Amino acid sequence: MNTLIAVAIAPCGTGEEMSAYVGEVVRVIRESGLPNRTNSMFTEIEGEWDDVMAVVKKATMVLADKGIRTEVVLKADIRPGYTDMMHGKLERLEQKIKAEKEEEEK
């Protein structure tokens, strides 16, 4: 079943600068082959539930296997019958905003 998740995987107790650790996590996600997009707070991953969760586990273990306490924040959107939700949701939102703006300008 197609699943879109937003996940943040970060080390705890490693100091203020986490970009090197987060970079390792994001690299694993990008190398997964699943559609993904990283922003300042989360990385979105889309695919079949088992595939997405396997990537989350592998990315988490990048830090945990080093003995680093690891925090995972995950939000999932499971929407049967839909694909490419990562882009489709934004396209529908932008269309709605545009239509509302055009209606206001009338």
N, C-alpha and C. Protein backbone atom coordinates (compact mmCIF):
# COMPACT_ATOMS: atom_id res chain seq x y z
N MET A 1 0.84 -1.17 0.00
CA MET A 1 0.00 0.00 0.00
C MET A 1 0.89 1.24 0.00
N ASN A 2 0.59 2.17 -0.91
CA ASN A 2 1.42 3.36 -1.03
C ASN A 2 1.37 4.19 0.25
N THR A 3 2.54 4.63 0.67
CA THR A 3 2.68 5.38 1.91
C THR A 3 3.61 6.56 1.69
N LEU A 4 3.22 7.70 2.21
CA LEU A 4 4.07 8.88 2.22
C LEU A 4 4.40 9.17 3.67
N ILE A 5 5.68 9.24 3.98
CA ILE A 5 6.06 9.56 5.35
C ILE A 5 6.94 10.79 5.38
N ALA A 6 6.89 11.48 6.50
CA ALA A 6 7.83 12.54 6.82
C ALA A 6 8.58 12.03 8.03
N VAL A 7 9.90 11.99 7.93
CA VAL A 7 10.70 11.45 9.02
C VAL A 7 11.87 12.38 9.33
N ALA A 8 12.14 12.52 10.61
CA ALA A 8 13.33 13.23 11.08
C ALA A 8 14.09 12.24 11.96
N ILE A 9 15.31 11.96 11.59
CA ILE A 9 16.16 11.05 12.36
C ILE A 9 17.39 11.85 12.77
N ALA A 10 17.60 11.97 14.07
CA ALA A 10 18.67 12.83 14.55
C ALA A 10 19.35 12.22 15.78
N PRO A 11 20.63 12.52 15.95
CA PRO A 11 21.35 12.04 17.13
C PRO A 11 20.99 12.88 18.35
N CYS A 12 21.10 12.28 19.51
CA CYS A 12 20.92 12.99 20.78
C CYS A 12 22.25 12.95 21.53
N GLY A 13 22.61 14.05 22.12
CA GLY A 13 23.80 14.08 22.96
C GLY A 13 25.11 14.17 22.21
N THR A 14 25.07 14.66 20.97
CA THR A 14 26.30 14.76 20.18
C THR A 14 26.76 16.19 19.99
N GLY A 15 26.12 17.12 20.68
CA GLY A 15 26.48 18.53 20.53
C GLY A 15 25.46 19.28 19.71
N GLU A 16 25.76 20.55 19.48
CA GLU A 16 24.81 21.41 18.78
C GLU A 16 24.76 21.16 17.28
N GLU A 17 25.87 20.85 16.67
CA GLU A 17 25.91 20.68 15.21
C GLU A 17 25.65 19.23 14.84
N MET A 18 24.56 19.01 14.12
CA MET A 18 24.16 17.65 13.77
C MET A 18 24.25 17.36 12.28
N SER A 19 24.67 18.32 11.47
CA SER A 19 24.58 18.16 10.02
C SER A 19 25.37 16.96 9.49
N ALA A 20 26.50 16.65 10.06
CA ALA A 20 27.28 15.49 9.58
C ALA A 20 26.50 14.19 9.83
N TYR A 21 25.90 14.09 10.99
CA TYR A 21 25.11 12.89 11.31
C TYR A 21 23.86 12.80 10.44
N VAL A 22 23.16 13.91 10.32
CA VAL A 22 21.95 13.93 9.51
C VAL A 22 22.30 13.65 8.05
N GLY A 23 23.44 14.14 7.61
CA GLY A 23 23.89 13.87 6.25
C GLY A 23 24.06 12.39 5.98
N GLU A 24 24.57 11.65 6.95
CA GLU A 24 24.70 10.20 6.80
C GLU A 24 23.34 9.54 6.66
N VAL A 25 22.39 10.00 7.45
CA VAL A 25 21.04 9.46 7.41
C VAL A 25 20.39 9.75 6.05
N VAL A 26 20.49 10.98 5.60
CA VAL A 26 19.87 11.37 4.33
C VAL A 26 20.52 10.62 3.16
N ARG A 27 21.80 10.38 3.23
CA ARG A 27 22.47 9.62 2.17
C ARG A 27 21.86 8.23 2.02
N VAL A 28 21.60 7.56 3.13
CA VAL A 28 20.97 6.24 3.09
C VAL A 28 19.60 6.32 2.45
N ILE A 29 18.84 7.33 2.81
CA ILE A 29 17.50 7.50 2.24
C ILE A 29 17.59 7.75 0.74
N ARG A 30 18.48 8.63 0.32
CA ARG A 30 18.61 8.94 -1.11
C ARG A 30 19.08 7.73 -1.91
N GLU A 31 19.94 6.93 -1.32
CA GLU A 31 20.45 5.75 -2.03
C GLU A 31 19.42 4.62 -2.09
N SER A 32 18.31 4.76 -1.39
CA SER A 32 17.28 3.72 -1.37
C SER A 32 16.59 3.53 -2.71
N GLY A 33 16.59 4.56 -3.52
CA GLY A 33 15.88 4.50 -4.79
C GLY A 33 14.42 4.91 -4.69
N LEU A 34 13.91 5.08 -3.48
CA LEU A 34 12.53 5.53 -3.31
C LEU A 34 12.45 7.04 -3.53
N PRO A 35 11.33 7.54 -4.04
CA PRO A 35 11.17 8.99 -4.16
C PRO A 35 11.32 9.62 -2.78
N ASN A 36 12.11 10.70 -2.71
CA ASN A 36 12.31 11.37 -1.43
C ASN A 36 12.62 12.83 -1.66
N ARG A 37 12.41 13.60 -0.61
CA ARG A 37 12.68 15.04 -0.66
C ARG A 37 13.03 15.48 0.75
N THR A 38 14.13 16.21 0.88
CA THR A 38 14.58 16.69 2.18
C THR A 38 14.38 18.20 2.27
N ASN A 39 13.84 18.64 3.42
CA ASN A 39 13.77 20.07 3.69
C ASN A 39 14.45 20.32 5.03
N SER A 40 14.29 21.48 5.58
CA SER A 40 15.03 21.83 6.79
C SER A 40 14.61 21.05 8.04
N MET A 41 13.42 20.45 8.02
CA MET A 41 12.92 19.77 9.21
C MET A 41 12.74 18.26 9.05
N PHE A 42 12.37 17.81 7.85
CA PHE A 42 12.04 16.40 7.63
C PHE A 42 12.55 15.95 6.27
N THR A 43 12.57 14.65 6.11
CA THR A 43 12.74 14.06 4.79
C THR A 43 11.47 13.26 4.50
N GLU A 44 10.88 13.49 3.35
CA GLU A 44 9.72 12.74 2.92
C GLU A 44 10.20 11.56 2.09
N ILE A 45 9.55 10.42 2.27
CA ILE A 45 9.85 9.22 1.50
C ILE A 45 8.51 8.63 1.08
N GLU A 46 8.42 8.18 -0.18
CA GLU A 46 7.18 7.59 -0.66
C GLU A 46 7.45 6.23 -1.29
N GLY A 47 6.53 5.30 -1.02
CA GLY A 47 6.63 3.97 -1.61
C GLY A 47 5.71 3.01 -0.87
N GLU A 48 5.88 1.75 -1.14
CA GLU A 48 5.11 0.74 -0.43
C GLU A 48 5.51 0.74 1.04
N TRP A 49 4.53 0.49 1.92
CA TRP A 49 4.75 0.55 3.37
C TRP A 49 6.01 -0.19 3.80
N ASP A 50 6.15 -1.45 3.43
CA ASP A 50 7.29 -2.25 3.87
C ASP A 50 8.61 -1.67 3.37
N ASP A 51 8.62 -1.17 2.14
CA ASP A 51 9.84 -0.58 1.57
C ASP A 51 10.23 0.70 2.30
N VAL A 52 9.24 1.54 2.55
CA VAL A 52 9.50 2.81 3.25
C VAL A 52 10.01 2.55 4.66
N MET A 53 9.35 1.64 5.36
CA MET A 53 9.75 1.37 6.74
C MET A 53 11.12 0.70 6.81
N ALA A 54 11.47 -0.09 5.80
CA ALA A 54 12.81 -0.69 5.76
C ALA A 54 13.87 0.40 5.60
N VAL A 55 13.58 1.42 4.81
CA VAL A 55 14.52 2.53 4.64
C VAL A 55 14.64 3.32 5.94
N VAL A 56 13.52 3.56 6.62
CA VAL A 56 13.56 4.27 7.90
C VAL A 56 14.42 3.49 8.89
N LYS A 57 14.24 2.19 8.95
CA LYS A 57 15.04 1.37 9.87
C LYS A 57 16.52 1.45 9.52
N LYS A 58 16.85 1.28 8.24
CA LYS A 58 18.25 1.32 7.83
C LYS A 58 18.88 2.68 8.13
N ALA A 59 18.13 3.75 7.86
CA ALA A 59 18.64 5.10 8.12
C ALA A 59 18.83 5.34 9.62
N THR A 60 17.91 4.82 10.42
CA THR A 60 18.02 4.96 11.88
C THR A 60 19.25 4.22 12.40
N MET A 61 19.47 3.05 11.88
CA MET A 61 20.58 2.22 12.37
C MET A 61 21.95 2.80 12.02
N VAL A 62 22.01 3.72 11.05
CA VAL A 62 23.28 4.39 10.74
C VAL A 62 23.85 5.02 12.01
N LEU A 63 22.98 5.63 12.79
CA LEU A 63 23.42 6.27 14.04
C LEU A 63 23.42 5.29 15.21
N ALA A 64 22.34 4.54 15.35
CA ALA A 64 22.21 3.64 16.50
C ALA A 64 23.31 2.59 16.52
N ASP A 65 23.72 2.10 15.35
CA ASP A 65 24.80 1.11 15.31
C ASP A 65 26.14 1.67 15.77
N LYS A 66 26.25 2.99 15.80
CA LYS A 66 27.47 3.64 16.31
C LYS A 66 27.38 3.90 17.81
N GLY A 67 26.29 3.45 18.42
CA GLY A 67 26.10 3.67 19.85
C GLY A 67 25.54 5.04 20.18
N ILE A 68 25.03 5.72 19.17
CA ILE A 68 24.48 7.07 19.37
C ILE A 68 22.99 6.96 19.69
N ARG A 69 22.59 7.61 20.76
CA ARG A 69 21.16 7.68 21.06
C ARG A 69 20.49 8.42 19.90
N THR A 70 19.43 7.82 19.36
CA THR A 70 18.83 8.32 18.13
C THR A 70 17.35 8.61 18.32
N GLU A 71 16.94 9.78 17.89
CA GLU A 71 15.54 10.19 17.96
C GLU A 71 14.92 10.09 16.58
N VAL A 72 13.74 9.49 16.51
CA VAL A 72 13.02 9.36 15.25
C VAL A 72 11.63 9.96 15.43
N VAL A 73 11.30 10.92 14.58
CA VAL A 73 9.96 11.50 14.54
C VAL A 73 9.41 11.13 13.17
N LEU A 74 8.23 10.48 13.14
CA LEU A 74 7.69 9.98 11.89
C LEU A 74 6.20 10.25 11.81
N LYS A 75 5.78 10.72 10.65
CA LYS A 75 4.36 10.92 10.37
C LYS A 75 4.08 10.21 9.06
N ALA A 76 3.01 9.41 9.01
CA ALA A 76 2.69 8.63 7.81
C ALA A 76 1.31 8.99 7.28
N ASP A 77 1.20 9.04 5.96
CA ASP A 77 -0.07 9.23 5.27
C ASP A 77 -0.25 8.02 4.36
N ILE A 78 -1.17 7.16 4.72
CA ILE A 78 -1.46 5.95 3.96
C ILE A 78 -2.78 6.20 3.25
N ARG A 79 -2.73 6.29 1.93
CA ARG A 79 -3.92 6.65 1.17
C ARG A 79 -4.11 5.65 0.03
N PRO A 80 -4.90 4.61 0.27
CA PRO A 80 -5.11 3.58 -0.75
C PRO A 80 -5.59 4.18 -2.08
N GLY A 81 -5.03 3.66 -3.16
CA GLY A 81 -5.44 4.09 -4.48
C GLY A 81 -4.70 5.30 -5.02
N TYR A 82 -3.82 5.88 -4.24
CA TYR A 82 -3.08 7.07 -4.67
C TYR A 82 -1.60 6.76 -4.79
N THR A 83 -0.96 7.40 -5.74
CA THR A 83 0.50 7.34 -5.87
C THR A 83 1.00 8.76 -6.10
N ASP A 84 2.28 8.95 -6.03
CA ASP A 84 2.92 10.25 -6.22
C ASP A 84 2.28 11.33 -5.34
N MET A 85 1.99 10.96 -4.11
CA MET A 85 1.38 11.91 -3.18
C MET A 85 2.34 13.04 -2.83
N MET A 86 3.62 12.77 -2.87
CA MET A 86 4.62 13.77 -2.52
C MET A 86 4.45 15.02 -3.40
N HIS A 87 4.14 14.81 -4.65
CA HIS A 87 3.95 15.94 -5.56
C HIS A 87 2.48 16.31 -5.70
N GLY A 88 1.61 15.32 -5.76
CA GLY A 88 0.19 15.55 -5.98
C GLY A 88 -0.45 16.41 -4.91
N LYS A 89 -0.07 16.18 -3.66
CA LYS A 89 -0.65 16.97 -2.57
C LYS A 89 -0.32 18.44 -2.75
N LEU A 90 0.92 18.75 -3.09
CA LEU A 90 1.32 20.15 -3.28
C LEU A 90 0.65 20.76 -4.49
N GLU A 91 0.53 19.99 -5.57
CA GLU A 91 -0.14 20.50 -6.77
C GLU A 91 -1.59 20.85 -6.47
N ARG A 92 -2.30 19.98 -5.75
CA ARG A 92 -3.70 20.26 -5.39
C ARG A 92 -3.80 21.48 -4.49
N LEU A 93 -2.88 21.62 -3.55
CA LEU A 93 -2.87 22.78 -2.67
C LEU A 93 -2.66 24.06 -3.46
N GLU A 94 -1.67 24.07 -4.34
CA GLU A 94 -1.39 25.27 -5.14
C GLU A 94 -2.58 25.63 -6.03
N GLN A 95 -3.23 24.64 -6.61
CA GLN A 95 -4.41 24.89 -7.44
C GLN A 95 -5.52 25.52 -6.60
N LYS A 96 -5.72 25.03 -5.40
CA LYS A 96 -6.76 25.55 -4.50
C LYS A 96 -6.46 27.00 -4.14
N ILE A 97 -5.21 27.30 -3.79
CA ILE A 97 -4.82 28.67 -3.44
C ILE A 97 -5.02 29.60 -4.62
N LYS A 98 -4.62 29.14 -5.80
CA LYS A 98 -4.77 29.96 -7.01
C LYS A 98 -6.25 30.24 -7.30
N ALA A 99 -7.09 29.21 -7.19
CA ALA A 99 -8.52 29.37 -7.45
C ALA A 99 -9.15 30.34 -6.46
N GLU A 100 -8.76 30.23 -5.18
CA GLU A 100 -9.31 31.14 -4.17
C GLU A 100 -8.87 32.57 -4.42
N LYS A 101 -7.64 32.74 -4.83
CA LYS A 101 -7.13 34.10 -5.12
C LYS A 101 -7.86 34.70 -6.31
N GLU A 102 -8.05 33.87 -7.36
CA GLU A 102 -8.79 34.35 -8.53
C GLU A 102 -10.22 34.72 -8.18
N GLU A 103 -10.84 33.95 -7.31
CA GLU A 103 -12.21 34.23 -6.88
C GLU A 103 -12.28 35.54 -6.09
N GLU A 104 -11.29 35.78 -5.25
CA GLU A 104 -11.25 37.02 -4.48
C GLU A 104 -11.06 38.24 -5.35
N GLU A 105 -10.33 38.07 -6.46
CA GLU A 105 -10.04 39.19 -7.34
C GLU A 105 -11.21 39.56 -8.23
N LYS A 106 -12.25 38.75 -8.27
CA LYS A 106 -13.42 39.03 -9.11
C LYS A 106 -14.30 40.08 -8.49
